């Protein structure tokens, strides 16, 4: 006996679909909130938009809850006499490393009322919150700790106030953090190095069962050689990240590629060799990819980078070329 499937047009499903259709576009910078991540390859792939993560509606609503909580907590902090200014204060270090602090308390923090503090606000599940209370932010949430250090360095403020909320019972935990300049600079330098590196860093582990890899968005890319599905200037072999936080196209001898153009790339683009598992031959007007199904010419007269990533097998076997020649078609999947 087969069960009747659950209806797809329930209110919950429709709300989640609404959020999924309005996902934020990839960040153009390497954010301070990411720089404490354990894997440099992860950071490089994210920055290069190699396999943008598509979040489910429920997760996007969780993100929204955290953002809405910031406004509520800042209101509560002001209500008890803390002078909070500059919500989402921007911090920039060049070479694409930047971020936005949740706010700055100019004065009024009870333990040190005259000193300014960088404010960072986070929401937690009960399990995460209890671990935070037990261990402190540095040990329990090292990425949050690094994020605060970077903001303190960028804003030249030597104190931070970490405010955490338990989503299960609304309990509040706060912790004051001192600036560690050496640590903060270490992670800023790390971010710059990764952003400006033309080559993909090695994986954190070559073991697909490694616990830090198992649930990563790039697990299938690193351990199963899954191909990216989309192409952009950032996954193009012709593009170069510059120290002034701009991109240069070597193919067209052009500086300052606009971000919106970067998202789509052009028909002259060539796939970055580090993001595909194939060998290649570089000729004057084209790159020949040697895939298991055959050779593919990556050029205007052959296939564009987007077409190859959409269906490399059809391109290699020549199936798609017949339709391209006859109808002016292009490969989309």
C-alpha atoms as a PDB file:
ATOM      1  CA  UNK A   1       0.000   0.000   0.000  1.00  0.00           C
ATOM      2  CA  UNK A   2       1.416   3.373  -0.993  1.00  0.00           C
ATOM      3  CA  UNK A   3       0.982   6.381   1.223  1.00  0.00           C
ATOM      4  CA  UNK A   4      -0.525   9.604  -0.009  1.00  0.00           C
ATOM      5  CA  UNK A   5       2.338  12.103  -0.419  1.00  0.00           C
ATOM      6  CA  UNK A   6       2.307  15.229   1.690  1.00  0.00           C
ATOM      7  CA  UNK A   7       0.896  18.278  -0.100  1.00  0.00           C
ATOM      8  CA  UNK A   8       3.533  20.575  -1.616  1.00  0.00           C
ATOM      9  CA  UNK A   9       1.531  23.780  -1.347  1.00  0.00           C
ATOM     10  CA  UNK A  10       1.278  23.974   2.425  1.00  0.00           C
ATOM     11  CA  UNK A  11       1.872  27.358   4.029  1.00  0.00           C
ATOM     12  CA  UNK A  12       5.242  26.164   5.410  1.00  0.00           C
ATOM     13  CA  UNK A  13       6.429  24.934   2.010  1.00  0.00           C
ATOM     14  CA  UNK A  14       5.296  28.101   0.267  1.00  0.00           C
ATOM     15  CA  UNK A  15       7.136  30.280   2.789  1.00  0.00           C
ATOM     16  CA  UNK A  16      10.332  28.253   2.354  1.00  0.00           C
ATOM     17  CA  UNK A  17      10.028  28.406  -1.437  1.00  0.00           C
ATOM     18  CA  UNK A  18       9.650  32.168  -1.181  1.00  0.00           C
ATOM     19  CA  UNK A  19      12.965  32.455   0.673  1.00  0.00           C
ATOM     20  CA  UNK A  20      14.753  29.972  -1.599  1.00  0.00           C
ATOM     21  CA  UNK A  21      13.846  32.052  -4.652  1.00  0.00           C
ATOM     22  CA  UNK A  22      15.408  35.141  -3.052  1.00  0.00           C
ATOM     23  CA  UNK A  23      18.761  33.844  -1.876  1.00  0.00           C
ATOM     24  CA  UNK A  24      21.492  36.401  -1.463  1.00  0.00           C
ATOM     25  CA  UNK A  25      24.131  36.565  -4.174  1.00  0.00           C
ATOM     26  CA  UNK A  26      27.681  35.457  -3.462  1.00  0.00           C
ATOM     27  CA  UNK A  27      29.785  37.881  -1.470  1.00  0.00           C
ATOM     28  CA  UNK A  28      32.338  39.792  -3.496  1.00  0.00           C
ATOM     29  CA  UNK A  29      34.730  39.946  -0.508  1.00  0.00           C
ATOM     30  CA  UNK A  30      36.324  37.486   1.900  1.00  0.00           C
ATOM     31  CA  UNK A  31      34.427  38.197   5.104  1.00  0.00           C
ATOM     32  CA  UNK A  32      35.826  38.410   8.618  1.00  0.00           C
ATOM     33  CA  UNK A  33      33.106  35.987   9.734  1.00  0.00           C
ATOM     34  CA  UNK A  34      34.739  33.264   7.618  1.00  0.00           C
ATOM     35  CA  UNK A  35      38.432  33.837   8.217  1.00  0.00           C
ATOM     36  CA  UNK A  36      38.651  31.590  11.269  1.00  0.00           C
ATOM     37  CA  UNK A  37      37.506  28.608   9.203  1.00  0.00           C
ATOM     38  CA  UNK A  38      39.770  25.581   9.520  1.00  0.00           C
ATOM     39  CA  UNK A  39      40.134  24.912   5.756  1.00  0.00           C
ATOM     40  CA  UNK A  40      41.945  27.303   3.409  1.00  0.00           C
ATOM     41  CA  UNK A  41      40.621  25.495   0.355  1.00  0.00           C
ATOM     42  CA  UNK A  42      37.068  26.102   1.586  1.00  0.00           C
ATOM     43  CA  UNK A  43      37.788  29.822   1.850  1.00  0.00           C
ATOM     44  CA  UNK A  44      39.375  29.947  -1.617  1.00  0.00           C
ATOM     45  CA  UNK A  45      36.479  28.062  -3.231  1.00  0.00           C
ATOM     46  CA  UNK A  46      33.925  30.308  -1.529  1.00  0.00           C
ATOM     47  CA  UNK A  47      35.755  33.448  -2.592  1.00  0.00           C
ATOM     48  CA  UNK A  48      35.986  32.157  -6.165  1.00  0.00           C
ATOM     49  CA  UNK A  49      32.270  31.218  -6.289  1.00  0.00           C
ATOM     50  CA  UNK A  50      33.184  27.690  -7.384  1.00  0.00           C
ATOM     51  CA  UNK A  51      30.105  25.891  -6.056  1.00  0.00           C
ATOM     52  CA  UNK A  52      27.776  28.470  -4.459  1.00  0.00           C
ATOM     53  CA  UNK A  53      25.748  26.894  -1.683  1.00  0.00           C
ATOM     54  CA  UNK A  54      21.981  26.949  -2.111  1.00  0.00           C
ATOM     55  CA  UNK A  55      20.324  26.974   1.292  1.00  0.00           C
ATOM     56  CA  UNK A  56      16.955  25.471   2.118  1.00  0.00           C
ATOM     57  CA  UNK A  57      14.194  27.853   3.138  1.00  0.00           C
ATOM     58  CA  UNK A  58      14.325  26.770   6.783  1.00  0.00           C
ATOM     59  CA  UNK A  59      18.037  27.611   6.994  1.00  0.00           C
ATOM     60  CA  UNK A  60      17.468  30.977   5.359  1.00  0.00           C
ATOM     61  CA  UNK A  61      14.790  31.711   7.951  1.00  0.00           C
ATOM     62  CA  UNK A  62      17.266  30.819  10.679  1.00  0.00           C
ATOM     63  CA  UNK A  63      19.719  33.316   9.185  1.00  0.00           C
ATOM     64  CA  UNK A  64      16.968  35.927   9.202  1.00  0.00           C
ATOM     65  CA  UNK A  65      16.197  35.220  12.858  1.00  0.00           C
ATOM     66  CA  UNK A  66      19.803  35.928  13.744  1.00  0.00           C
ATOM     67  CA  UNK A  67      19.718  39.208  11.811  1.00  0.00           C
ATOM     68  CA  UNK A  68      16.470  40.310  13.449  1.00  0.00           C
ATOM     69  CA  UNK A  69      17.873  39.455  16.879  1.00  0.00           C
ATOM     70  CA  UNK A  70      20.650  42.001  16.367  1.00  0.00           C
ATOM     71  CA  UNK A  71      18.165  44.866  16.293  1.00  0.00           C
ATOM     72  CA  UNK A  72      16.384  43.541  19.384  1.00  0.00           C
ATOM     73  CA  UNK A  73      19.570  43.098  21.410  1.00  0.00           C
ATOM     74  CA  UNK A  74      20.935  46.519  20.454  1.00  0.00           C
ATOM     75  CA  UNK A  75      17.643  47.994  21.663  1.00  0.00           C
ATOM     76  CA  UNK A  76      18.032  46.125  24.978  1.00  0.00           C
ATOM     77  CA  UNK A  77      21.645  47.265  25.380  1.00  0.00           C
ATOM     78  CA  UNK A  78      20.625  50.885  24.874  1.00  0.00           C
ATOM     79  CA  UNK A  79      17.786  50.439  27.360  1.00  0.00           C
ATOM     80  CA  UNK A  80      20.285  49.640  30.145  1.00  0.00           C
ATOM     81  CA  UNK A  81      22.469  52.641  29.373  1.00  0.00           C
ATOM     82  CA  UNK A  82      25.008  51.302  26.869  1.00  0.00           C
ATOM     83  CA  UNK A  83      25.695  53.881  24.152  1.00  0.00           C
ATOM     84  CA  UNK A  84      25.600  51.742  20.999  1.00  0.00           C
ATOM     85  CA  UNK A  85      26.464  53.405  17.702  1.00  0.00           C
ATOM     86  CA  UNK A  86      27.288  52.388  14.172  1.00  0.00           C
ATOM     87  CA  UNK A  87      25.261  49.234  13.545  1.00  0.00           C
ATOM     88  CA  UNK A  88      26.949  47.222  10.764  1.00  0.00           C
ATOM     89  CA  UNK A  89      30.140  49.293  10.947  1.00  0.00           C
ATOM     90  CA  UNK A  90      32.294  48.422   7.932  1.00  0.00           C
ATOM     91  CA  UNK A  91      35.912  47.302   8.327  1.00  0.00           C
ATOM     92  CA  UNK A  92      38.233  47.045   5.286  1.00  0.00           C
ATOM     93  CA  UNK A  93      41.795  45.757   4.997  1.00  0.00           C
ATOM     94  CA  UNK A  94      42.239  45.749   1.174  1.00  0.00           C
ATOM     95  CA  UNK A  95      42.860  42.569  -0.852  1.00  0.00           C
ATOM     96  CA  UNK A  96      39.131  41.752  -0.468  1.00  0.00           C
ATOM     97  CA  UNK A  97      39.317  41.220   3.318  1.00  0.00           C
ATOM     98  CA  UNK A  98      36.476  43.069   5.023  1.00  0.00           C
ATOM     99  CA  UNK A  99      33.382  42.718   7.175  1.00  0.00           C
ATOM    100  CA  UNK A 100      30.746  44.521   9.202  1.00  0.00           C
ATOM    101  CA  UNK A 101      30.660  44.672  12.999  1.00  0.00           C
ATOM    102  CA  UNK A 102      27.208  44.509  14.572  1.00  0.00           C
ATOM    103  CA  UNK A 103      27.899  47.713  16.443  1.00  0.00           C
ATOM    104  CA  UNK A 104      30.197  49.718  18.711  1.00  0.00           C
ATOM    105  CA  UNK A 105      29.460  50.523  22.355  1.00  0.00           C
ATOM    106  CA  UNK A 106      31.094  53.895  22.935  1.00  0.00           C
ATOM    107  CA  UNK A 107      30.427  53.692  26.673  1.00  0.00           C
ATOM    108  CA  UNK A 108      28.253  52.138  29.331  1.00  0.00           C
ATOM    109  CA  UNK A 109      29.397  48.504  29.383  1.00  0.00           C
ATOM    110  CA  UNK A 110      28.987  47.770  33.141  1.00  0.00           C
ATOM    111  CA  UNK A 111      32.370  46.076  33.673  1.00  0.00           C
ATOM    112  CA  UNK A 112      34.210  48.942  31.966  1.00  0.00           C
ATOM    113  CA  UNK A 113      31.817  51.856  31.416  1.00  0.00           C
ATOM    114  CA  UNK A 114      34.312  54.318  29.918  1.00  0.00           C
ATOM    115  CA  UNK A 115      35.959  52.047  27.349  1.00  0.00           C
ATOM    116  CA  UNK A 116      34.523  51.481  23.845  1.00  0.00           C
ATOM    117  CA  UNK A 117      33.730  47.887  22.854  1.00  0.00           C
ATOM    118  CA  UNK A 118      33.109  46.234  19.496  1.00  0.00           C
ATOM    119  CA  UNK A 119      29.787  44.372  19.742  1.00  0.00           C
ATOM    120  CA  UNK A 120      29.165  40.980  18.167  1.00  0.00           C
ATOM    121  CA  UNK A 121      25.712  39.357  18.515  1.00  0.00           C
ATOM    122  CA  UNK A 122      25.045  35.659  17.870  1.00  0.00           C
ATOM    123  CA  UNK A 123      22.120  33.280  18.337  1.00  0.00           C
ATOM    124  CA  UNK A 124      22.642  29.672  19.456  1.00  0.00           C
ATOM    125  CA  UNK A 125      20.806  26.395  19.874  1.00  0.00           C
ATOM    126  CA  UNK A 126      20.593  25.114  23.449  1.00  0.00           C
ATOM    127  CA  UNK A 127      23.462  22.660  22.936  1.00  0.00           C
ATOM    128  CA  UNK A 128      25.681  25.313  21.368  1.00  0.00           C
ATOM    129  CA  UNK A 129      24.768  27.852  24.047  1.00  0.00           C
ATOM    130  CA  UNK A 130      25.590  25.489  26.907  1.00  0.00           C
ATOM    131  CA  UNK A 131      28.956  24.673  25.350  1.00  0.00           C
ATOM    132  CA  UNK A 132      29.668  28.395  24.980  1.00  0.00           C
ATOM    133  CA  UNK A 133      28.858  29.087  28.634  1.00  0.00           C
ATOM    134  CA  UNK A 134      31.063  26.189  29.728  1.00  0.00           C
ATOM    135  CA  UNK A 135      34.133  26.889  27.567  1.00  0.00           C
ATOM    136  CA  UNK A 136      33.960  30.584  26.613  1.00  0.00           C
ATOM    137  CA  UNK A 137      33.860  32.043  23.113  1.00  0.00           C
ATOM    138  CA  UNK A 138      37.540  31.502  22.230  1.00  0.00           C
ATOM    139  CA  UNK A 139      37.390  27.732  22.708  1.00  0.00           C
ATOM    140  CA  UNK A 140      33.733  27.073  21.947  1.00  0.00           C
ATOM    141  CA  UNK A 141      33.326  29.353  18.895  1.00  0.00           C
ATOM    142  CA  UNK A 142      36.795  30.082  17.502  1.00  0.00           C
ATOM    143  CA  UNK A 143      35.412  31.545  14.251  1.00  0.00           C
ATOM    144  CA  UNK A 144      33.380  34.077  16.228  1.00  0.00           C
ATOM    145  CA  UNK A 145      36.439  34.865  18.322  1.00  0.00           C
ATOM    146  CA  UNK A 146      38.576  35.514  15.230  1.00  0.00           C
ATOM    147  CA  UNK A 147      35.799  37.601  13.715  1.00  0.00           C
ATOM    148  CA  UNK A 148      35.756  39.862  16.766  1.00  0.00           C
ATOM    149  CA  UNK A 149      39.542  40.147  16.803  1.00  0.00           C
ATOM    150  CA  UNK A 150      39.526  41.319  13.180  1.00  0.00           C
ATOM    151  CA  UNK A 151      36.851  43.928  13.875  1.00  0.00           C
ATOM    152  CA  UNK A 152      38.709  45.219  16.932  1.00  0.00           C
ATOM    153  CA  UNK A 153      41.913  45.518  14.911  1.00  0.00           C
ATOM    154  CA  UNK A 154      40.183  47.290  12.034  1.00  0.00           C
ATOM    155  CA  UNK A 155      38.360  49.738  14.284  1.00  0.00           C
ATOM    156  CA  UNK A 156      41.346  50.305  16.598  1.00  0.00           C
ATOM    157  CA  UNK A 157      39.317  49.286  19.660  1.00  0.00           C
ATOM    158  CA  UNK A 158      40.931  46.958  22.197  1.00  0.00           C
ATOM    159  CA  UNK A 159      37.770  45.525  23.796  1.00  0.00           C
ATOM    160  CA  UNK A 160      34.931  43.419  22.446  1.00  0.00           C
ATOM    161  CA  UNK A 161      31.531  42.478  23.845  1.00  0.00           C
ATOM    162  CA  UNK A 162      30.178  39.125  22.708  1.00  0.00           C
ATOM    163  CA  UNK A 163      26.417  38.878  23.254  1.00  0.00           C
ATOM    164  CA  UNK A 164      24.805  35.476  22.705  1.00  0.00           C
ATOM    165  CA  UNK A 165      21.153  34.430  22.832  1.00  0.00           C
ATOM    166  CA  UNK A 166      19.782  30.916  23.308  1.00  0.00           C
ATOM    167  CA  UNK A 167      16.954  30.407  20.803  1.00  0.00           C
ATOM    168  CA  UNK A 168      15.402  27.670  22.960  1.00  0.00           C
ATOM    169  CA  UNK A 169      14.851  29.656  26.158  1.00  0.00           C
ATOM    170  CA  UNK A 170      15.982  33.240  25.403  1.00  0.00           C
ATOM    171  CA  UNK A 171      18.786  33.041  27.962  1.00  0.00           C
ATOM    172  CA  UNK A 172      21.563  35.622  27.477  1.00  0.00           C
ATOM    173  CA  UNK A 173      25.304  35.111  27.883  1.00  0.00           C
ATOM    174  CA  UNK A 174      27.826  37.923  27.503  1.00  0.00           C
ATOM    175  CA  UNK A 175      31.597  37.879  27.484  1.00  0.00           C
ATOM    176  CA  UNK A 176      34.185  40.629  27.191  1.00  0.00           C
ATOM    177  CA  UNK A 177      37.151  39.937  24.902  1.00  0.00           C
ATOM    178  CA  UNK A 178      40.534  41.677  24.736  1.00  0.00           C
ATOM    179  CA  UNK A 179      42.224  42.498  21.453  1.00  0.00           C
ATOM    180  CA  UNK A 180      45.075  40.189  20.465  1.00  0.00           C
ATOM    181  CA  UNK A 181      46.774  42.202  17.708  1.00  0.00           C
ATOM    182  CA  UNK A 182      49.094  39.418  16.612  1.00  0.00           C
ATOM    183  CA  UNK A 183      46.245  36.946  16.264  1.00  0.00           C
ATOM    184  CA  UNK A 184      44.029  39.418  14.436  1.00  0.00           C
ATOM    185  CA  UNK A 185      46.804  40.373  12.003  1.00  0.00           C
ATOM    186  CA  UNK A 186      47.599  36.698  11.410  1.00  0.00           C
ATOM    187  CA  UNK A 187      44.061  36.053  10.157  1.00  0.00           C
ATOM    188  CA  UNK A 188      43.872  39.254   8.126  1.00  0.00           C
ATOM    189  CA  UNK A 189      47.123  38.242   6.403  1.00  0.00           C
ATOM    190  CA  UNK A 190      45.741  34.746   5.904  1.00  0.00           C
ATOM    191  CA  UNK A 191      42.670  36.157   4.175  1.00  0.00           C
ATOM    192  CA  UNK A 192      44.726  38.369   1.874  1.00  0.00           C
ATOM    193  CA  UNK A 193      46.987  35.478   0.919  1.00  0.00           C
ATOM    194  CA  UNK A 194      44.058  33.211   0.072  1.00  0.00           C
ATOM    195  CA  UNK A 195      42.172  35.886  -1.880  1.00  0.00           C
ATOM    196  CA  UNK A 196      45.199  36.813  -4.002  1.00  0.00           C
ATOM    197  CA  UNK A 197      46.355  33.225  -4.607  1.00  0.00           C
ATOM    198  CA  UNK A 198      45.880  32.177  -8.244  1.00  0.00           C
ATOM    199  CA  UNK A 199      46.101  28.495  -7.316  1.00  0.00           C
ATOM    200  CA  UNK A 200      43.727  26.437  -5.222  1.00  0.00           C
ATOM    201  CA  UNK A 201      45.095  25.457  -1.777  1.00  0.00           C
ATOM    202  CA  UNK A 202      45.422  21.763  -0.866  1.00  0.00           C
ATOM    203  CA  UNK A 203      42.486  20.126   0.956  1.00  0.00           C
ATOM    204  CA  UNK A 204      42.322  19.980   4.720  1.00  0.00           C
ATOM    205  CA  UNK A 205      42.308  16.180   4.426  1.00  0.00           C
ATOM    206  CA  UNK A 206      42.451  13.609   1.627  1.00  0.00           C
ATOM    207  CA  UNK A 207      40.274  11.296   3.712  1.00  0.00           C
ATOM    208  CA  UNK A 208      36.594  11.693   2.660  1.00  0.00           C
ATOM    209  CA  UNK A 209      35.472  10.416   6.072  1.00  0.00           C
ATOM    210  CA  UNK A 210      37.410  13.101   7.969  1.00  0.00           C
ATOM    211  CA  UNK A 211      34.916  14.727  10.359  1.00  0.00           C
ATOM    212  CA  UNK A 212      35.629  18.296   9.249  1.00  0.00           C
ATOM    213  CA  UNK A 213      35.103  17.335   5.602  1.00  0.00           C
ATOM    214  CA  UNK A 214      32.043  15.083   5.817  1.00  0.00           C
ATOM    215  CA  UNK A 215      29.457  17.863   6.061  1.00  0.00           C
ATOM    216  CA  UNK A 216      31.276  20.484   3.998  1.00  0.00           C
ATOM    217  CA  UNK A 217      29.583  21.994   0.950  1.00  0.00           C
ATOM    218  CA  UNK A 218      32.669  21.023  -1.073  1.00  0.00           C
ATOM    219  CA  UNK A 219      32.896  17.386   0.021  1.00  0.00           C
ATOM    220  CA  UNK A 220      31.829  16.034  -3.373  1.00  0.00           C
ATOM    221  CA  UNK A 221      34.121  18.508  -5.152  1.00  0.00           C
ATOM    222  CA  UNK A 222      37.219  17.584  -3.142  1.00  0.00           C
ATOM    223  CA  UNK A 223      36.636  13.858  -2.679  1.00  0.00           C
ATOM    224  CA  UNK A 224      34.449  12.801  -5.642  1.00  0.00           C
ATOM    225  CA  UNK A 225      35.696  15.205  -8.337  1.00  0.00           C
ATOM    226  CA  UNK A 226      32.260  16.714  -8.836  1.00  0.00           C
ATOM    227  CA  UNK A 227      32.330  19.560 -11.352  1.00  0.00           C
ATOM    228  CA  UNK A 228      31.081  23.087 -10.653  1.00  0.00           C
ATOM    229  CA  UNK A 229      27.746  23.737 -12.359  1.00  0.00           C
ATOM    230  CA  UNK A 230      28.257  27.399 -13.163  1.00  0.00           C
ATOM    231  CA  UNK A 231      30.993  29.632 -14.571  1.00  0.00           C
ATOM    232  CA  UNK A 232      32.022  33.178 -13.683  1.00  0.00           C
ATOM    233  CA  UNK A 233      35.009  35.485 -14.019  1.00  0.00           C
ATOM    234  CA  UNK A 234      36.231  34.141 -10.686  1.00  0.00           C
ATOM    235  CA  UNK A 235      36.434  30.585 -12.027  1.00  0.00           C
ATOM    236  CA  UNK A 236      38.177  31.766 -15.198  1.00  0.00           C
ATOM    237  CA  UNK A 237      41.877  31.183 -15.820  1.00  0.00           C
ATOM    238  CA  UNK A 238      42.173  34.682 -17.331  1.00  0.00           C
ATOM    239  CA  UNK A 239      41.114  36.608 -14.202  1.00  0.00           C
ATOM    240  CA  UNK A 240      43.409  37.853 -11.441  1.00  0.00           C
ATOM    241  CA  UNK A 241      42.508  39.171  -7.982  1.00  0.00           C
ATOM    242  CA  UNK A 242      44.380  42.410  -7.179  1.00  0.00           C
ATOM    243  CA  UNK A 243      45.513  43.949  -3.888  1.00  0.00           C
ATOM    244  CA  UNK A 244      43.179  46.942  -4.349  1.00  0.00           C
ATOM    245  CA  UNK A 245      40.188  44.536  -4.173  1.00  0.00           C
ATOM    246  CA  UNK A 246      39.520  44.616  -7.915  1.00  0.00           C
ATOM    247  CA  UNK A 247      39.737  41.950 -10.619  1.00  0.00           C
ATOM    248  CA  UNK A 248      41.777  42.093 -13.800  1.00  0.00           C
ATOM    249  CA  UNK A 249      41.060  40.217 -17.052  1.00  0.00           C
ATOM    250  CA  UNK A 250      44.308  39.204 -18.739  1.00  0.00           C
ATOM    251  CA  UNK A 251      42.481  38.019 -21.868  1.00  0.00           C
ATOM    252  CA  UNK A 252      40.989  41.441 -22.603  1.00  0.00           C
ATOM    253  CA  UNK A 253      43.717  43.456 -20.848  1.00  0.00           C
ATOM    254  CA  UNK A 254      41.050  45.051 -18.682  1.00  0.00           C
ATOM    255  CA  UNK A 255      41.140  46.229 -15.045  1.00  0.00           C
ATOM    256  CA  UNK A 256      38.278  46.638 -12.606  1.00  0.00           C
ATOM    257  CA  UNK A 257      35.827  44.009 -13.842  1.00  0.00           C
ATOM    258  CA  UNK A 258      32.396  45.050 -12.441  1.00  0.00           C
ATOM    259  CA  UNK A 259      30.986  42.622  -9.869  1.00  0.00           C
ATOM    260  CA  UNK A 260      27.767  42.039 -11.817  1.00  0.00           C
ATOM    261  CA  UNK A 261      29.785  41.140 -14.914  1.00  0.00           C
ATOM    262  CA  UNK A 262      31.966  38.818 -12.847  1.00  0.00           C
ATOM    263  CA  UNK A 263      28.906  36.743 -11.944  1.00  0.00           C
ATOM    264  CA  UNK A 264      28.300  35.668 -15.562  1.00  0.00           C
ATOM    265  CA  UNK A 265      31.680  35.921 -17.271  1.00  0.00           C
ATOM    266  CA  UNK A 266      32.090  36.080 -21.048  1.00  0.00           C
ATOM    267  CA  UNK A 267      32.218  33.672 -23.981  1.00  0.00           C
ATOM    268  CA  UNK A 268      36.029  33.956 -24.089  1.00  0.00           C
ATOM    269  CA  UNK A 269      36.407  32.509 -20.601  1.00  0.00           C
ATOM    270  CA  UNK A 270      38.567  29.456 -19.934  1.00  0.00           C
ATOM    271  CA  UNK A 271      37.877  27.152 -16.981  1.00  0.00           C
ATOM    272  CA  UNK A 272      40.423  27.500 -14.184  1.00  0.00           C
ATOM    273  CA  UNK A 273      42.450  24.264 -14.378  1.00  0.00           C
ATOM    274  CA  UNK A 274      42.374  23.701 -10.609  1.00  0.00           C
ATOM    275  CA  UNK A 275      38.586  23.265 -10.485  1.00  0.00           C
ATOM    276  CA  UNK A 276      38.306  20.440 -13.037  1.00  0.00           C
ATOM    277  CA  UNK A 277      40.006  17.008 -12.855  1.00  0.00           C
ATOM    278  CA  UNK A 278      41.227  17.047 -16.472  1.00  0.00           C
ATOM    279  CA  UNK A 279      44.554  17.639 -18.143  1.00  0.00           C
ATOM    280  CA  UNK A 280      44.711  20.175 -20.935  1.00  0.00           C
ATOM    281  CA  UNK A 281      46.670  21.443 -23.912  1.00  0.00           C
ATOM    282  CA  UNK A 282      47.018  25.223 -24.219  1.00  0.00           C
ATOM    283  CA  UNK A 283      47.089  26.542 -27.784  1.00  0.00           C
ATOM    284  CA  UNK A 284      47.140  30.120 -29.055  1.00  0.00           C
ATOM    285  CA  UNK A 285      43.397  30.519 -29.574  1.00  0.00           C
ATOM    286  CA  UNK A 286      41.972  27.720 -27.444  1.00  0.00           C
ATOM    287  CA  UNK A 287      42.396  25.255 -24.621  1.00  0.00           C
ATOM    288  CA  UNK A 288      41.797  21.568 -25.287  1.00  0.00           C
ATOM    289  CA  UNK A 289      40.448  19.679 -22.278  1.00  0.00           C
ATOM    290  CA  UNK A 290      41.271  15.970 -22.263  1.00  0.00           C
ATOM    291  CA  UNK A 291      38.278  14.387 -20.537  1.00  0.00           C
ATOM    292  CA  UNK A 292      37.481  10.661 -20.077  1.00  0.00           C
ATOM    293  CA  UNK A 293      34.862  10.978 -22.850  1.00  0.00           C
ATOM    294  CA  UNK A 294      37.126  12.780 -25.306  1.00  0.00           C
ATOM    295  CA  UNK A 295      38.739  16.125 -26.059  1.00  0.00           C
ATOM    296  CA  UNK A 296      36.806  19.392 -25.788  1.00  0.00           C
ATOM    297  CA  UNK A 297      37.861  22.696 -27.341  1.00  0.00           C
ATOM    298  CA  UNK A 298      37.260  25.575 -24.920  1.00  0.00           C
ATOM    299  CA  UNK A 299      37.018  28.596 -27.246  1.00  0.00           C
ATOM    300  CA  UNK A 300      34.506  30.684 -29.205  1.00  0.00           C
ATOM    301  CA  UNK A 301      34.642  28.318 -32.184  1.00  0.00           C
ATOM    302  CA  UNK A 302      34.138  25.309 -29.934  1.00  0.00           C
ATOM    303  CA  UNK A 303      32.431  25.332 -26.547  1.00  0.00           C
ATOM    304  CA  UNK A 304      32.287  28.062 -23.957  1.00  0.00           C
ATOM    305  CA  UNK A 305      33.348  27.343 -20.388  1.00  0.00           C
ATOM    306  CA  UNK A 306      29.709  27.471 -19.250  1.00  0.00           C
ATOM    307  CA  UNK A 307      28.678  24.875 -21.850  1.00  0.00           C
ATOM    308  CA  UNK A 308      31.481  22.495 -20.899  1.00  0.00           C
ATOM    309  CA  UNK A 309      30.609  22.611 -17.208  1.00  0.00           C
ATOM    310  CA  UNK A 310      26.899  22.199 -17.994  1.00  0.00           C
ATOM    311  CA  UNK A 311      27.428  18.891 -19.859  1.00  0.00           C
ATOM    312  CA  UNK A 312      31.029  17.839 -20.553  1.00  0.00           C
ATOM    313  CA  UNK A 313      29.987  14.413 -21.842  1.00  0.00           C
ATOM    314  CA  UNK A 314      27.740  15.840 -24.577  1.00  0.00           C
ATOM    315  CA  UNK A 315      30.480  18.294 -25.567  1.00  0.00           C
ATOM    316  CA  UNK A 316      33.164  15.582 -25.695  1.00  0.00           C
ATOM    317  CA  UNK A 317      31.072  13.151 -27.742  1.00  0.00           C
ATOM    318  CA  UNK A 318      30.112  15.829 -30.262  1.00  0.00           C
ATOM    319  CA  UNK A 319      26.386  15.377 -29.686  1.00  0.00           C
ATOM    320  CA  UNK A 320      25.838  19.002 -28.822  1.00  0.00           C
ATOM    321  CA  UNK A 321      27.862  20.332 -31.759  1.00  0.00           C
ATOM    322  CA  UNK A 322      25.289  19.080 -34.257  1.00  0.00           C
ATOM    323  CA  UNK A 323      22.575  21.149 -32.586  1.00  0.00           C
ATOM    324  CA  UNK A 324      24.873  24.153 -32.269  1.00  0.00           C
ATOM    325  CA  UNK A 325      25.690  24.012 -35.988  1.00  0.00           C
ATOM    326  CA  UNK A 326      22.121  23.371 -37.121  1.00  0.00           C
ATOM    327  CA  UNK A 327      20.130  25.608 -34.817  1.00  0.00           C
ATOM    328  CA  UNK A 328      22.598  27.940 -33.147  1.00  0.00           C
ATOM    329  CA  UNK A 329      21.819  26.192 -29.865  1.00  0.00           C
ATOM    330  CA  UNK A 330      23.931  26.213 -26.737  1.00  0.00           C
ATOM    331  CA  UNK A 331      24.539  23.618 -24.063  1.00  0.00           C
ATOM    332  CA  UNK A 332      22.702  24.355 -20.817  1.00  0.00           C
ATOM    333  CA  UNK A 333      22.576  20.930 -19.174  1.00  0.00           C
END
